[in-house]
């Protein structure tokens, strides 16, 4: 089995969060973010040769950069509690073009007392 010697992941990420005062809900927030992830050449070779990572590796890597889009809306129920609706879209999950895009929906409750 090959050994991995260099930094395994390269990435670029950016995002924005906007307070709800723009639409009359000062305690709400809406956010969007994107990330572009890539494997180093050494890591690609390692995975393609049958190496395993924490979340990737089946010996059949059809490598493509992974792209992630995330958006959320945090709805303030009151000053202490919010309910957040979240959506993530992963394109080329696990850096594999053979994998279909994945949609992930989330619901989160946050409270501070």
C-alpha atoms as a PDB file:
ATOM      1  CA  UNK A   1       0.000   0.000   0.000  1.00  0.00           C
ATOM      2  CA  UNK A   2       1.421   3.431  -0.905  1.00  0.00           C
ATOM      3  CA  UNK A   3       2.209   5.971   1.799  1.00  0.00           C
ATOM      4  CA  UNK A   4       0.839   9.503   1.792  1.00  0.00           C
ATOM      5  CA  UNK A   5       3.569  12.106   2.289  1.00  0.00           C
ATOM      6  CA  UNK A   6       2.183  15.537   1.427  1.00  0.00           C
ATOM      7  CA  UNK A   7      -0.715  17.705   2.536  1.00  0.00           C
ATOM      8  CA  UNK A   8      -3.809  15.759   1.441  1.00  0.00           C
ATOM      9  CA  UNK A   9      -6.364  18.517   0.901  1.00  0.00           C
ATOM     10  CA  UNK A  10      -6.386  21.890  -0.810  1.00  0.00           C
ATOM     11  CA  UNK A  11      -9.435  24.129  -0.489  1.00  0.00           C
ATOM     12  CA  UNK A  12     -11.007  27.510  -1.050  1.00  0.00           C
ATOM     13  CA  UNK A  13     -14.095  28.622   0.849  1.00  0.00           C
ATOM     14  CA  UNK A  14     -16.142  31.790   1.155  1.00  0.00           C
ATOM     15  CA  UNK A  15     -19.552  32.835   2.407  1.00  0.00           C
ATOM     16  CA  UNK A  16     -21.781  35.569   3.736  1.00  0.00           C
ATOM     17  CA  UNK A  17     -24.328  35.979   6.503  1.00  0.00           C
ATOM     18  CA  UNK A  18     -26.960  38.727   6.522  1.00  0.00           C
ATOM     19  CA  UNK A  19     -28.992  39.849   9.540  1.00  0.00           C
ATOM     20  CA  UNK A  20     -32.738  39.986   9.140  1.00  0.00           C
ATOM     21  CA  UNK A  21     -33.060  43.683   9.953  1.00  0.00           C
ATOM     22  CA  UNK A  22     -33.190  44.248   6.172  1.00  0.00           C
ATOM     23  CA  UNK A  23     -36.632  42.571   6.078  1.00  0.00           C
ATOM     24  CA  UNK A  24     -37.927  43.478   9.557  1.00  0.00           C
ATOM     25  CA  UNK A  25     -36.692  40.379  11.497  1.00  0.00           C
ATOM     26  CA  UNK A  26     -33.592  41.713  13.247  1.00  0.00           C
ATOM     27  CA  UNK A  27     -32.809  38.440  15.050  1.00  0.00           C
ATOM     28  CA  UNK A  28     -33.050  36.244  11.928  1.00  0.00           C
ATOM     29  CA  UNK A  29     -30.078  35.429   9.700  1.00  0.00           C
ATOM     30  CA  UNK A  30     -29.652  34.074   6.209  1.00  0.00           C
ATOM     31  CA  UNK A  31     -26.375  32.686   4.987  1.00  0.00           C
ATOM     32  CA  UNK A  32     -24.725  31.135   1.977  1.00  0.00           C
ATOM     33  CA  UNK A  33     -21.322  29.579   1.554  1.00  0.00           C
ATOM     34  CA  UNK A  34     -19.326  27.701  -1.037  1.00  0.00           C
ATOM     35  CA  UNK A  35     -16.273  25.490  -0.786  1.00  0.00           C
ATOM     36  CA  UNK A  36     -14.047  24.027  -3.458  1.00  0.00           C
ATOM     37  CA  UNK A  37     -11.976  21.088  -2.243  1.00  0.00           C
ATOM     38  CA  UNK A  38      -9.154  19.315  -4.060  1.00  0.00           C
ATOM     39  CA  UNK A  39      -6.731  16.516  -3.295  1.00  0.00           C
ATOM     40  CA  UNK A  40      -3.009  16.883  -3.841  1.00  0.00           C
ATOM     41  CA  UNK A  41      -1.527  14.720  -6.603  1.00  0.00           C
ATOM     42  CA  UNK A  42       0.099  12.439  -4.007  1.00  0.00           C
ATOM     43  CA  UNK A  43      -3.222  11.949  -2.218  1.00  0.00           C
ATOM     44  CA  UNK A  44      -5.069  11.267  -5.503  1.00  0.00           C
ATOM     45  CA  UNK A  45      -2.473   8.631  -6.389  1.00  0.00           C
ATOM     46  CA  UNK A  46      -2.706   7.143  -2.893  1.00  0.00           C
ATOM     47  CA  UNK A  47      -6.522   6.810  -3.060  1.00  0.00           C
ATOM     48  CA  UNK A  48      -6.500   5.554  -6.675  1.00  0.00           C
ATOM     49  CA  UNK A  49      -3.980   2.849  -5.694  1.00  0.00           C
ATOM     50  CA  UNK A  50      -6.382   1.487  -3.078  1.00  0.00           C
ATOM     51  CA  UNK A  51      -5.472   3.691  -0.108  1.00  0.00           C
ATOM     52  CA  UNK A  52      -8.193   4.604   2.350  1.00  0.00           C
ATOM     53  CA  UNK A  53      -8.957   7.949   3.947  1.00  0.00           C
ATOM     54  CA  UNK A  54     -11.349   8.729   6.771  1.00  0.00           C
ATOM     55  CA  UNK A  55     -14.266   9.237   4.370  1.00  0.00           C
ATOM     56  CA  UNK A  56     -12.956   8.234   0.933  1.00  0.00           C
ATOM     57  CA  UNK A  57     -11.247   5.418  -0.867  1.00  0.00           C
ATOM     58  CA  UNK A  58     -12.491   2.403  -2.789  1.00  0.00           C
ATOM     59  CA  UNK A  59      -9.628   1.959  -5.264  1.00  0.00           C
ATOM     60  CA  UNK A  60     -11.750   3.253  -8.147  1.00  0.00           C
ATOM     61  CA  UNK A  61     -11.256   7.001  -7.910  1.00  0.00           C
ATOM     62  CA  UNK A  62     -12.498   8.936 -10.965  1.00  0.00           C
ATOM     63  CA  UNK A  63     -11.066  12.159  -9.556  1.00  0.00           C
ATOM     64  CA  UNK A  64     -12.843  15.514  -9.750  1.00  0.00           C
ATOM     65  CA  UNK A  65     -12.720  18.479  -7.395  1.00  0.00           C
ATOM     66  CA  UNK A  66     -15.433  18.411  -4.746  1.00  0.00           C
ATOM     67  CA  UNK A  67     -17.788  21.410  -4.656  1.00  0.00           C
ATOM     68  CA  UNK A  68     -20.066  22.269  -1.757  1.00  0.00           C
ATOM     69  CA  UNK A  69     -22.854  24.860  -1.599  1.00  0.00           C
ATOM     70  CA  UNK A  70     -24.546  25.520   1.725  1.00  0.00           C
ATOM     71  CA  UNK A  71     -27.356  27.879   2.587  1.00  0.00           C
ATOM     72  CA  UNK A  72     -29.316  28.368   5.784  1.00  0.00           C
ATOM     73  CA  UNK A  73     -32.027  30.479   7.340  1.00  0.00           C
ATOM     74  CA  UNK A  74     -32.045  30.966  11.124  1.00  0.00           C
ATOM     75  CA  UNK A  75     -35.546  31.913  12.283  1.00  0.00           C
ATOM     76  CA  UNK A  76     -35.601  33.519  15.726  1.00  0.00           C
ATOM     77  CA  UNK A  77     -38.455  32.079  17.792  1.00  0.00           C
ATOM     78  CA  UNK A  78     -37.554  34.515  20.590  1.00  0.00           C
ATOM     79  CA  UNK A  79     -34.395  36.192  21.946  1.00  0.00           C
ATOM     80  CA  UNK A  80     -33.022  32.888  23.315  1.00  0.00           C
ATOM     81  CA  UNK A  81     -34.138  30.301  20.745  1.00  0.00           C
ATOM     82  CA  UNK A  82     -33.765  29.932  17.003  1.00  0.00           C
ATOM     83  CA  UNK A  83     -34.744  27.325  14.461  1.00  0.00           C
ATOM     84  CA  UNK A  84     -32.379  26.925  11.500  1.00  0.00           C
ATOM     85  CA  UNK A  85     -33.223  25.336   8.177  1.00  0.00           C
ATOM     86  CA  UNK A  86     -30.131  24.189   6.285  1.00  0.00           C
ATOM     87  CA  UNK A  87     -29.433  22.879   2.770  1.00  0.00           C
ATOM     88  CA  UNK A  88     -26.168  21.527   1.385  1.00  0.00           C
ATOM     89  CA  UNK A  89     -25.387  20.389  -2.148  1.00  0.00           C
ATOM     90  CA  UNK A  90     -22.258  18.287  -2.707  1.00  0.00           C
ATOM     91  CA  UNK A  91     -21.033  17.856  -6.279  1.00  0.00           C
ATOM     92  CA  UNK A  92     -18.461  15.101  -6.833  1.00  0.00           C
ATOM     93  CA  UNK A  93     -18.715  13.887  -3.227  1.00  0.00           C
ATOM     94  CA  UNK A  94     -15.570  12.134  -1.970  1.00  0.00           C
ATOM     95  CA  UNK A  95     -13.767  13.642  -5.003  1.00  0.00           C
ATOM     96  CA  UNK A  96     -15.345  11.032  -7.269  1.00  0.00           C
ATOM     97  CA  UNK A  97     -17.078  12.001 -10.532  1.00  0.00           C
ATOM     98  CA  UNK A  98     -18.815   8.598 -10.532  1.00  0.00           C
ATOM     99  CA  UNK A  99     -20.844   9.651  -7.470  1.00  0.00           C
ATOM    100  CA  UNK A 100     -24.083  11.523  -8.071  1.00  0.00           C
ATOM    101  CA  UNK A 101     -24.567  14.933  -6.437  1.00  0.00           C
ATOM    102  CA  UNK A 102     -25.893  14.693  -2.890  1.00  0.00           C
ATOM    103  CA  UNK A 103     -28.495  16.987  -1.274  1.00  0.00           C
ATOM    104  CA  UNK A 104     -28.513  17.236   2.508  1.00  0.00           C
ATOM    105  CA  UNK A 105     -31.300  18.932   4.431  1.00  0.00           C
ATOM    106  CA  UNK A 106     -30.949  19.882   8.059  1.00  0.00           C
ATOM    107  CA  UNK A 107     -32.999  21.317  10.888  1.00  0.00           C
ATOM    108  CA  UNK A 108     -31.320  22.690  14.000  1.00  0.00           C
ATOM    109  CA  UNK A 109     -32.681  24.148  17.235  1.00  0.00           C
ATOM    110  CA  UNK A 110     -30.412  26.448  19.215  1.00  0.00           C
ATOM    111  CA  UNK A 111     -31.200  27.763  22.669  1.00  0.00           C
ATOM    112  CA  UNK A 112     -29.351  29.970  25.135  1.00  0.00           C
ATOM    113  CA  UNK A 113     -30.558  30.358  28.691  1.00  0.00           C
END
